[in-house]
């Protein structure tokens, strides 16, 4: 059996620089942080949202509200995944009404995860706008969705896989590309 080939595309330093740039872009695009909230898409989007919140607090001097979103029941492929999906639950302790919601995820690929997240946010209320921040955009969109803030564009083949590795899940911090040999 062939092992997939791997290549580290971003180390921890590159990831931190990209997230710092995204934080500055969020502030600039929204003319500050008034009315801006961040919502991380479970799993790795939540950890990236936490990092962004810390960076935004350092830059702006106040901590924007942050929530965690579980999109499991909003997925359009739910019936093909599992008969008993595992729900981790969302944790959003603030109103999204009239707010600028910045959804945060690790990788955007087809756009289906983001579509599910938008549906979930709209069920919570009526935000003024929804923006999307992702660490990696790998292309291959199936839906007309594009991120507002991107750490790095990494064009990939469909048989390749991008892994954003974070300490809580992987014991390391990097972005790795896996390709079949």
N, C-alpha and C. Protein backbone atom coordinates (compact mmCIF):
# COMPACT_ATOMS: atom_id res chain seq x y z
N UNK A 1 0.84 -1.19 0.00
CA UNK A 1 0.00 0.00 0.00
C UNK A 1 0.88 1.25 0.00
N UNK A 2 0.61 2.16 -0.91
CA UNK A 2 1.40 3.39 -1.01
C UNK A 2 0.98 4.39 0.06
N UNK A 3 1.96 4.97 0.71
CA UNK A 3 1.70 6.04 1.67
C UNK A 3 1.54 7.34 0.89
N UNK A 4 0.61 8.20 1.31
CA UNK A 4 0.48 9.48 0.61
C UNK A 4 1.73 10.33 0.83
N UNK A 5 2.09 11.09 -0.19
CA UNK A 5 3.19 12.03 -0.09
C UNK A 5 2.70 13.25 0.66
N UNK A 6 3.55 13.82 1.51
CA UNK A 6 3.14 15.02 2.24
C UNK A 6 4.19 16.11 2.09
N UNK A 7 3.70 17.34 2.16
CA UNK A 7 4.56 18.50 2.03
C UNK A 7 4.01 19.60 2.94
N UNK A 8 4.82 20.08 3.88
CA UNK A 8 4.39 21.15 4.77
C UNK A 8 4.42 22.46 3.97
N UNK A 9 3.25 23.10 3.85
CA UNK A 9 3.12 24.33 3.07
C UNK A 9 3.23 25.59 3.92
N UNK A 10 2.82 25.49 5.18
CA UNK A 10 2.92 26.62 6.10
C UNK A 10 3.35 26.08 7.45
N UNK A 11 4.38 26.67 8.03
CA UNK A 11 4.76 26.31 9.38
C UNK A 11 4.00 27.21 10.35
N UNK A 12 4.25 27.06 11.63
CA UNK A 12 3.53 27.84 12.64
C UNK A 12 3.71 29.35 12.43
N UNK A 13 4.92 29.77 12.12
CA UNK A 13 5.18 31.19 11.90
C UNK A 13 4.39 31.74 10.73
N UNK A 14 4.34 31.01 9.62
CA UNK A 14 3.58 31.44 8.45
C UNK A 14 2.09 31.50 8.76
N UNK A 15 1.61 30.54 9.54
CA UNK A 15 0.19 30.55 9.92
C UNK A 15 -0.12 31.77 10.78
N UNK A 16 0.75 32.08 11.74
CA UNK A 16 0.53 33.23 12.61
C UNK A 16 0.54 34.54 11.81
N UNK A 17 1.47 34.65 10.86
CA UNK A 17 1.54 35.86 10.03
C UNK A 17 0.26 36.00 9.20
N UNK A 18 -0.21 34.91 8.63
CA UNK A 18 -1.44 34.95 7.82
C UNK A 18 -2.63 35.36 8.68
N UNK A 19 -2.73 34.82 9.89
CA UNK A 19 -3.85 35.16 10.78
C UNK A 19 -3.76 36.61 11.25
N UNK A 20 -2.55 37.11 11.48
CA UNK A 20 -2.38 38.52 11.84
C UNK A 20 -2.85 39.41 10.69
N UNK A 21 -2.49 39.05 9.47
CA UNK A 21 -2.92 39.82 8.30
C UNK A 21 -4.44 39.79 8.18
N UNK A 22 -5.05 38.61 8.36
CA UNK A 22 -6.51 38.50 8.31
C UNK A 22 -7.15 39.40 9.36
N UNK A 23 -6.60 39.42 10.57
CA UNK A 23 -7.15 40.27 11.64
C UNK A 23 -7.13 41.74 11.21
N UNK A 24 -6.02 42.20 10.64
CA UNK A 24 -5.93 43.59 10.18
C UNK A 24 -6.93 43.84 9.05
N UNK A 25 -7.11 42.88 8.16
CA UNK A 25 -8.06 43.04 7.05
C UNK A 25 -9.50 43.11 7.56
N UNK A 26 -9.82 42.33 8.59
CA UNK A 26 -11.17 42.38 9.17
C UNK A 26 -11.43 43.78 9.73
N UNK A 27 -10.47 44.31 10.46
CA UNK A 27 -10.61 45.65 11.04
C UNK A 27 -10.77 46.69 9.94
N UNK A 28 -9.92 46.61 8.93
CA UNK A 28 -9.96 47.59 7.84
C UNK A 28 -11.27 47.51 7.07
N UNK A 29 -11.70 46.32 6.70
CA UNK A 29 -12.92 46.15 5.90
C UNK A 29 -14.15 46.65 6.64
N UNK A 30 -14.14 46.54 7.98
CA UNK A 30 -15.30 46.89 8.78
C UNK A 30 -15.15 48.23 9.51
N UNK A 31 -14.11 48.99 9.16
CA UNK A 31 -13.86 50.28 9.81
C UNK A 31 -13.85 50.16 11.33
N UNK A 32 -13.13 49.20 11.83
CA UNK A 32 -13.08 48.93 13.27
C UNK A 32 -13.85 47.67 13.60
N UNK A 33 -14.11 47.48 14.87
CA UNK A 33 -14.74 46.23 15.31
C UNK A 33 -16.13 46.43 15.89
N UNK A 34 -16.69 47.64 15.82
CA UNK A 34 -18.04 47.86 16.34
C UNK A 34 -19.04 47.00 15.58
N UNK A 35 -19.79 46.19 16.31
CA UNK A 35 -20.82 45.36 15.71
C UNK A 35 -20.32 44.12 15.01
N UNK A 36 -19.03 43.81 15.16
CA UNK A 36 -18.45 42.63 14.52
C UNK A 36 -18.36 41.50 15.53
N UNK A 37 -18.83 40.31 15.13
CA UNK A 37 -18.71 39.10 15.96
C UNK A 37 -18.05 38.01 15.12
N UNK A 38 -17.32 37.12 15.77
CA UNK A 38 -16.70 36.00 15.08
C UNK A 38 -17.39 34.71 15.48
N UNK A 39 -17.61 33.84 14.51
CA UNK A 39 -18.19 32.53 14.78
C UNK A 39 -17.33 31.49 14.07
N UNK A 40 -16.70 30.63 14.87
CA UNK A 40 -15.88 29.56 14.33
C UNK A 40 -16.72 28.35 13.99
N UNK A 41 -16.46 27.76 12.82
CA UNK A 41 -17.15 26.54 12.41
C UNK A 41 -16.40 25.36 13.01
N UNK A 42 -17.14 24.53 13.77
CA UNK A 42 -16.50 23.38 14.41
C UNK A 42 -15.84 22.49 13.38
N UNK A 43 -14.74 22.05 13.60
CA UNK A 43 -13.82 21.93 14.68
C UNK A 43 -12.70 22.95 14.59
N UNK A 44 -11.88 22.88 13.59
CA UNK A 44 -10.69 23.73 13.56
C UNK A 44 -11.00 25.21 13.37
N UNK A 45 -12.13 25.55 12.79
CA UNK A 45 -12.52 26.94 12.65
C UNK A 45 -12.68 27.63 13.99
N UNK A 46 -13.08 26.86 15.00
CA UNK A 46 -13.24 27.42 16.35
C UNK A 46 -11.88 27.84 16.91
N UNK A 47 -10.89 26.98 16.78
CA UNK A 47 -9.55 27.32 17.28
C UNK A 47 -8.95 28.50 16.52
N UNK A 48 -9.17 28.55 15.21
CA UNK A 48 -8.67 29.68 14.42
C UNK A 48 -9.41 30.97 14.81
N UNK A 49 -10.70 30.88 15.10
CA UNK A 49 -11.46 32.06 15.56
C UNK A 49 -10.91 32.56 16.89
N UNK A 50 -10.54 31.65 17.78
CA UNK A 50 -9.95 32.06 19.07
C UNK A 50 -8.66 32.83 18.85
N UNK A 51 -7.83 32.34 17.95
CA UNK A 51 -6.57 33.03 17.65
C UNK A 51 -6.86 34.42 17.08
N UNK A 52 -7.82 34.49 16.16
CA UNK A 52 -8.18 35.79 15.57
C UNK A 52 -8.71 36.76 16.62
N UNK A 53 -9.55 36.26 17.53
CA UNK A 53 -10.09 37.12 18.59
C UNK A 53 -8.95 37.69 19.44
N UNK A 54 -7.98 36.87 19.78
CA UNK A 54 -6.83 37.36 20.56
C UNK A 54 -6.06 38.43 19.78
N UNK A 55 -5.85 38.20 18.49
CA UNK A 55 -5.13 39.17 17.67
C UNK A 55 -5.93 40.47 17.54
N UNK A 56 -7.23 40.35 17.33
CA UNK A 56 -8.09 41.54 17.23
C UNK A 56 -8.09 42.33 18.53
N UNK A 57 -8.11 41.62 19.66
CA UNK A 57 -8.07 42.29 20.96
C UNK A 57 -6.75 43.04 21.14
N UNK A 58 -5.66 42.42 20.75
CA UNK A 58 -4.34 43.05 20.85
C UNK A 58 -4.28 44.32 19.99
N UNK A 59 -4.82 44.24 18.79
CA UNK A 59 -4.75 45.37 17.86
C UNK A 59 -5.72 46.48 18.27
N UNK A 60 -6.97 46.12 18.59
CA UNK A 60 -8.03 47.11 18.82
C UNK A 60 -8.24 47.47 20.29
N UNK A 61 -7.77 46.63 21.20
CA UNK A 61 -7.93 46.93 22.61
C UNK A 61 -9.22 46.43 23.25
N UNK A 62 -10.09 45.84 22.45
CA UNK A 62 -11.29 45.22 23.04
C UNK A 62 -11.54 43.88 22.35
N UNK A 63 -12.15 42.99 23.10
CA UNK A 63 -12.33 41.61 22.64
C UNK A 63 -13.70 41.46 21.97
N UNK A 64 -13.73 41.10 20.68
CA UNK A 64 -15.02 40.90 20.03
C UNK A 64 -15.69 39.61 20.51
N UNK A 65 -17.02 39.58 20.51
CA UNK A 65 -17.72 38.34 20.89
C UNK A 65 -17.37 37.21 19.92
N UNK A 66 -17.30 36.00 20.46
CA UNK A 66 -16.97 34.84 19.64
C UNK A 66 -17.90 33.69 20.00
N UNK A 67 -18.34 32.98 18.99
CA UNK A 67 -19.18 31.81 19.19
C UNK A 67 -18.66 30.61 18.41
N UNK A 68 -19.27 29.46 18.72
CA UNK A 68 -18.90 28.20 18.06
C UNK A 68 -20.14 27.64 17.39
N UNK A 69 -19.98 27.21 16.13
CA UNK A 69 -21.11 26.76 15.34
C UNK A 69 -20.93 25.31 14.91
N UNK A 70 -21.93 24.48 15.24
CA UNK A 70 -21.97 23.09 14.78
C UNK A 70 -22.95 23.04 13.61
N UNK A 71 -22.46 22.69 12.43
CA UNK A 71 -23.30 22.68 11.23
C UNK A 71 -23.79 21.29 10.85
N UNK A 72 -23.58 20.31 11.70
CA UNK A 72 -23.88 18.92 11.36
C UNK A 72 -25.27 18.76 10.76
N UNK A 73 -26.30 19.30 11.38
CA UNK A 73 -27.66 19.09 10.91
C UNK A 73 -28.01 19.93 9.68
N UNK A 74 -27.11 20.82 9.27
CA UNK A 74 -27.35 21.67 8.10
C UNK A 74 -26.65 21.14 6.85
N UNK A 75 -25.87 20.08 7.00
CA UNK A 75 -25.11 19.54 5.87
C UNK A 75 -26.04 18.90 4.84
N UNK A 76 -25.73 19.09 3.56
CA UNK A 76 -26.56 18.49 2.53
C UNK A 76 -26.18 17.03 2.25
N UNK A 77 -25.11 16.56 2.89
CA UNK A 77 -24.70 15.16 2.71
C UNK A 77 -24.87 14.36 4.00
N UNK A 78 -25.70 14.85 4.91
CA UNK A 78 -25.87 14.21 6.21
C UNK A 78 -26.29 12.75 6.09
N UNK A 79 -27.21 12.46 5.20
CA UNK A 79 -27.71 11.08 5.08
C UNK A 79 -26.65 10.13 4.56
N UNK A 80 -25.65 10.63 3.87
CA UNK A 80 -24.60 9.76 3.35
C UNK A 80 -23.43 9.59 4.32
N UNK A 81 -23.40 10.41 5.37
CA UNK A 81 -22.27 10.37 6.31
C UNK A 81 -22.42 9.29 7.38
N UNK A 82 -23.59 9.28 8.02
CA UNK A 82 -23.74 8.41 9.17
C UNK A 82 -25.21 8.34 9.56
N UNK A 83 -25.65 7.20 10.04
CA UNK A 83 -27.03 7.07 10.50
C UNK A 83 -27.26 7.82 11.81
N UNK A 84 -26.22 7.95 12.63
CA UNK A 84 -26.32 8.65 13.92
C UNK A 84 -25.25 9.71 14.01
N UNK A 85 -25.50 10.90 13.44
CA UNK A 85 -24.46 11.94 13.46
C UNK A 85 -24.16 12.39 14.89
N UNK A 86 -22.91 12.73 15.13
CA UNK A 86 -22.49 13.23 16.43
C UNK A 86 -22.67 14.74 16.44
N UNK A 87 -23.46 15.22 17.40
CA UNK A 87 -23.70 16.65 17.51
C UNK A 87 -22.87 17.20 18.66
N UNK A 88 -22.08 18.22 18.38
CA UNK A 88 -21.27 18.86 19.42
C UNK A 88 -21.95 20.10 19.95
N UNK A 89 -22.96 20.56 19.24
CA UNK A 89 -23.71 21.73 19.68
C UNK A 89 -23.02 23.03 19.37
N UNK A 90 -23.82 24.04 19.16
CA UNK A 90 -23.30 25.38 18.95
C UNK A 90 -23.26 26.11 20.28
N UNK A 91 -22.38 27.08 20.39
CA UNK A 91 -22.28 27.89 21.60
C UNK A 91 -22.16 29.35 21.16
N UNK A 92 -23.31 29.99 21.03
CA UNK A 92 -23.35 31.39 20.61
C UNK A 92 -24.21 32.12 21.63
N UNK A 93 -23.56 32.91 22.48
CA UNK A 93 -24.24 33.54 23.61
C UNK A 93 -24.62 35.00 23.34
N UNK A 94 -24.67 35.38 22.07
CA UNK A 94 -25.00 36.75 21.72
C UNK A 94 -25.95 36.73 20.53
N UNK A 95 -26.63 37.84 20.33
CA UNK A 95 -27.53 37.97 19.19
C UNK A 95 -26.72 38.30 17.94
N UNK A 96 -27.10 37.72 16.82
CA UNK A 96 -26.46 38.04 15.55
C UNK A 96 -27.24 39.14 14.81
N UNK A 97 -28.40 39.50 15.33
CA UNK A 97 -29.25 40.51 14.67
C UNK A 97 -28.51 41.82 14.49
N UNK A 98 -28.44 42.29 13.25
CA UNK A 98 -27.82 43.57 12.95
C UNK A 98 -26.30 43.58 13.04
N UNK A 99 -25.68 42.44 13.31
CA UNK A 99 -24.23 42.36 13.47
C UNK A 99 -23.55 41.99 12.15
N UNK A 100 -22.27 42.26 12.08
CA UNK A 100 -21.44 41.72 11.01
C UNK A 100 -20.85 40.43 11.56
N UNK A 101 -21.26 39.31 11.00
CA UNK A 101 -20.80 38.00 11.44
C UNK A 101 -19.64 37.58 10.55
N UNK A 102 -18.49 37.32 11.15
CA UNK A 102 -17.35 36.78 10.42
C UNK A 102 -17.29 35.29 10.74
N UNK A 103 -17.65 34.47 9.76
CA UNK A 103 -17.51 33.02 9.90
C UNK A 103 -16.05 32.67 9.69
N UNK A 104 -15.52 31.77 10.53
CA UNK A 104 -14.11 31.40 10.45
C UNK A 104 -14.02 29.89 10.24
N UNK A 105 -13.26 29.48 9.23
CA UNK A 105 -13.03 28.06 8.98
C UNK A 105 -11.58 27.86 8.56
N UNK A 106 -11.13 26.61 8.60
CA UNK A 106 -9.74 26.34 8.25
C UNK A 106 -9.51 26.29 6.75
N UNK A 107 -10.33 25.53 6.02
CA UNK A 107 -10.14 25.34 4.58
C UNK A 107 -11.47 25.52 3.87
N UNK A 108 -11.47 26.24 2.76
CA UNK A 108 -12.65 26.25 1.90
C UNK A 108 -12.32 25.43 0.66
N UNK A 109 -13.27 24.57 0.31
CA UNK A 109 -13.09 23.67 -0.82
C UNK A 109 -14.29 23.82 -1.75
N UNK A 110 -15.32 23.05 -1.58
CA UNK A 110 -16.49 23.11 -2.47
C UNK A 110 -17.42 24.26 -2.14
N UNK A 111 -17.40 24.74 -0.90
CA UNK A 111 -18.31 25.79 -0.46
C UNK A 111 -19.52 25.26 0.29
N UNK A 112 -19.68 23.95 0.34
CA UNK A 112 -20.87 23.36 0.97
C UNK A 112 -20.88 23.55 2.49
N UNK A 113 -19.73 23.49 3.13
CA UNK A 113 -19.66 23.73 4.57
C UNK A 113 -20.09 25.16 4.88
N UNK A 114 -19.62 26.10 4.09
CA UNK A 114 -19.97 27.51 4.30
C UNK A 114 -21.47 27.72 4.08
N UNK A 115 -22.03 27.10 3.05
CA UNK A 115 -23.47 27.22 2.81
C UNK A 115 -24.24 26.73 4.02
N UNK A 116 -23.83 25.61 4.59
CA UNK A 116 -24.49 25.07 5.78
C UNK A 116 -24.34 26.04 6.96
N UNK A 117 -23.16 26.64 7.10
CA UNK A 117 -22.93 27.59 8.20
C UNK A 117 -23.80 28.83 8.04
N UNK A 118 -23.94 29.32 6.81
CA UNK A 118 -24.79 30.49 6.57
C UNK A 118 -26.24 30.16 6.94
N UNK A 119 -26.71 28.98 6.54
CA UNK A 119 -28.07 28.55 6.91
C UNK A 119 -28.24 28.54 8.43
N UNK A 120 -27.24 28.00 9.14
CA UNK A 120 -27.32 27.91 10.60
C UNK A 120 -27.35 29.31 11.23
N UNK A 121 -26.53 30.23 10.72
CA UNK A 121 -26.50 31.59 11.25
C UNK A 121 -27.84 32.28 10.99
N UNK A 122 -28.40 32.09 9.82
CA UNK A 122 -29.67 32.73 9.49
C UNK A 122 -30.81 32.21 10.37
N UNK A 123 -30.70 30.98 10.85
CA UNK A 123 -31.68 30.45 11.80
C UNK A 123 -31.57 31.13 13.17
N UNK A 124 -30.43 31.75 13.45
CA UNK A 124 -30.22 32.44 14.73
C UNK A 124 -30.75 33.86 14.72
N UNK A 125 -30.92 34.44 13.55
CA UNK A 125 -31.37 35.82 13.47
C UNK A 125 -31.06 36.41 12.12
N UNK A 126 -31.03 37.73 12.08
CA UNK A 126 -30.80 38.43 10.81
C UNK A 126 -29.59 39.35 10.94
N UNK A 127 -28.40 38.82 10.59
CA UNK A 127 -27.21 39.67 10.65
C UNK A 127 -27.25 40.75 9.57
N UNK A 128 -26.53 41.84 9.80
CA UNK A 128 -26.41 42.89 8.79
C UNK A 128 -25.66 42.37 7.59
N UNK A 129 -24.63 41.55 7.85
CA UNK A 129 -23.84 40.93 6.78
C UNK A 129 -23.10 39.74 7.35
N UNK A 130 -22.73 38.85 6.45
CA UNK A 130 -21.91 37.70 6.83
C UNK A 130 -20.67 37.74 5.96
N UNK A 131 -19.52 37.66 6.62
CA UNK A 131 -18.23 37.60 5.92
C UNK A 131 -17.58 36.26 6.25
N UNK A 132 -16.63 35.86 5.42
CA UNK A 132 -15.97 34.57 5.59
C UNK A 132 -14.46 34.75 5.64
N UNK A 133 -13.85 34.21 6.69
CA UNK A 133 -12.40 34.19 6.83
C UNK A 133 -11.94 32.74 6.85
N UNK A 134 -11.00 32.41 5.98
CA UNK A 134 -10.44 31.05 5.95
C UNK A 134 -8.92 31.13 5.92
N UNK A 135 -8.29 30.15 6.52
CA UNK A 135 -6.83 30.11 6.47
C UNK A 135 -6.37 29.69 5.07
N UNK A 136 -7.06 28.69 4.48
CA UNK A 136 -6.65 28.13 3.19
C UNK A 136 -7.84 28.10 2.22
N UNK A 137 -7.61 28.59 1.01
CA UNK A 137 -8.57 28.43 -0.09
C UNK A 137 -7.91 27.51 -1.11
N UNK A 138 -8.49 26.30 -1.25
CA UNK A 138 -7.87 25.32 -2.15
C UNK A 138 -8.57 25.21 -3.50
N UNK A 139 -9.60 26.03 -3.73
CA UNK A 139 -10.28 26.02 -5.02
C UNK A 139 -11.32 24.92 -5.12
N UNK A 140 -11.78 24.65 -6.33
CA UNK A 140 -12.76 23.59 -6.65
C UNK A 140 -14.15 23.88 -6.12
N UNK A 141 -14.57 25.15 -6.15
CA UNK A 141 -15.89 25.51 -5.63
C UNK A 141 -17.00 24.86 -6.45
N UNK A 142 -18.01 24.37 -5.76
CA UNK A 142 -19.22 23.84 -6.38
C UNK A 142 -20.38 24.82 -6.22
N UNK A 143 -20.25 25.76 -5.31
CA UNK A 143 -21.27 26.77 -5.05
C UNK A 143 -20.65 28.15 -5.23
N UNK A 144 -21.46 29.17 -5.56
CA UNK A 144 -20.90 30.51 -5.79
C UNK A 144 -20.60 31.24 -4.47
N UNK A 145 -19.63 30.71 -3.75
CA UNK A 145 -19.24 31.26 -2.45
C UNK A 145 -17.75 31.55 -2.49
N UNK A 146 -17.38 32.74 -2.03
CA UNK A 146 -15.95 33.07 -1.98
C UNK A 146 -15.64 33.72 -0.64
N UNK A 147 -14.47 33.44 -0.11
CA UNK A 147 -14.09 34.04 1.17
C UNK A 147 -13.73 35.52 1.02
N UNK A 148 -14.00 36.28 2.08
CA UNK A 148 -13.62 37.70 2.12
C UNK A 148 -12.17 37.87 2.57
N UNK A 149 -11.71 36.95 3.41
CA UNK A 149 -10.37 37.02 3.98
C UNK A 149 -9.72 35.65 3.82
N UNK A 150 -8.54 35.61 3.20
CA UNK A 150 -7.85 34.35 2.93
C UNK A 150 -6.41 34.44 3.41
N UNK A 151 -5.99 33.44 4.18
CA UNK A 151 -4.60 33.38 4.61
C UNK A 151 -3.68 33.03 3.46
N UNK A 152 -4.08 32.00 2.68
CA UNK A 152 -3.24 31.57 1.56
C UNK A 152 -4.10 30.82 0.57
N UNK A 153 -3.92 31.11 -0.71
CA UNK A 153 -4.54 30.36 -1.79
C UNK A 153 -3.60 29.22 -2.17
N UNK A 154 -4.10 28.00 -2.12
CA UNK A 154 -3.29 26.84 -2.48
C UNK A 154 -4.07 26.01 -3.49
N UNK A 155 -3.84 26.24 -4.79
CA UNK A 155 -4.54 25.44 -5.79
C UNK A 155 -4.15 23.97 -5.62
N UNK A 156 -5.15 23.11 -5.65
CA UNK A 156 -4.91 21.68 -5.44
C UNK A 156 -5.59 20.87 -6.53
N UNK A 157 -5.19 19.63 -6.63
CA UNK A 157 -5.90 18.66 -7.46
C UNK A 157 -6.99 18.04 -6.57
N UNK A 158 -8.00 17.50 -7.17
CA UNK A 158 -9.10 16.92 -6.39
C UNK A 158 -8.63 15.73 -5.54
N UNK A 159 -7.59 15.02 -5.97
CA UNK A 159 -7.14 13.86 -5.20
C UNK A 159 -6.15 14.24 -4.10
N UNK A 160 -5.88 15.53 -3.95
CA UNK A 160 -5.02 15.99 -2.86
C UNK A 160 -5.88 16.40 -1.68
N UNK A 161 -5.22 16.46 -0.53
CA UNK A 161 -5.92 16.83 0.70
C UNK A 161 -5.06 17.83 1.45
N UNK A 162 -5.73 18.84 2.01
CA UNK A 162 -5.05 19.85 2.84
C UNK A 162 -5.42 19.57 4.30
N UNK A 163 -4.44 19.53 5.16
CA UNK A 163 -4.68 19.35 6.59
C UNK A 163 -4.12 20.55 7.35
N UNK A 164 -5.02 21.26 8.04
CA UNK A 164 -4.58 22.33 8.94
C UNK A 164 -4.41 21.66 10.30
N UNK A 165 -3.19 21.62 10.76
CA UNK A 165 -2.88 20.93 12.02
C UNK A 165 -2.74 21.94 13.14
N UNK A 166 -3.47 21.67 14.22
CA UNK A 166 -3.46 22.53 15.40
C UNK A 166 -3.17 21.69 16.64
N UNK A 167 -2.54 22.30 17.64
CA UNK A 167 -2.12 21.54 18.83
C UNK A 167 -3.23 20.75 19.51
N UNK A 168 -4.43 21.30 19.59
CA UNK A 168 -5.52 20.63 20.30
C UNK A 168 -5.89 19.28 19.66
N UNK A 169 -5.67 19.15 18.36
CA UNK A 169 -6.06 17.92 17.66
C UNK A 169 -4.88 17.10 17.18
N UNK A 170 -3.77 17.79 16.84
CA UNK A 170 -2.69 17.12 16.14
C UNK A 170 -1.34 17.17 16.86
N UNK A 171 -1.25 17.98 17.92
CA UNK A 171 0.01 18.10 18.63
C UNK A 171 1.06 18.91 17.89
N UNK A 172 0.68 19.56 16.80
CA UNK A 172 1.61 20.38 16.03
C UNK A 172 0.82 21.48 15.32
N UNK A 173 1.54 22.46 14.77
CA UNK A 173 0.90 23.58 14.10
C UNK A 173 1.53 23.74 12.73
N UNK A 174 0.76 23.42 11.69
CA UNK A 174 1.21 23.63 10.31
C UNK A 174 0.07 23.34 9.35
N UNK A 175 0.32 23.63 8.08
CA UNK A 175 -0.60 23.26 7.00
C UNK A 175 0.16 22.30 6.10
N UNK A 176 -0.41 21.11 5.92
CA UNK A 176 0.25 20.07 5.14
C UNK A 176 -0.61 19.67 3.95
N UNK A 177 0.03 19.46 2.81
CA UNK A 177 -0.63 18.96 1.61
C UNK A 177 -0.29 17.48 1.48
N UNK A 178 -1.33 16.68 1.31
CA UNK A 178 -1.16 15.24 1.11
C UNK A 178 -1.61 14.90 -0.31
N UNK A 179 -0.78 14.15 -1.02
CA UNK A 179 -1.17 13.73 -2.37
C UNK A 179 -0.87 12.25 -2.54
N UNK A 180 -1.72 11.60 -3.30
CA UNK A 180 -1.52 10.17 -3.57
C UNK A 180 -0.29 10.01 -4.48
N UNK A 181 0.43 8.94 -4.26
CA UNK A 181 1.62 8.71 -5.10
C UNK A 181 1.26 8.00 -6.36
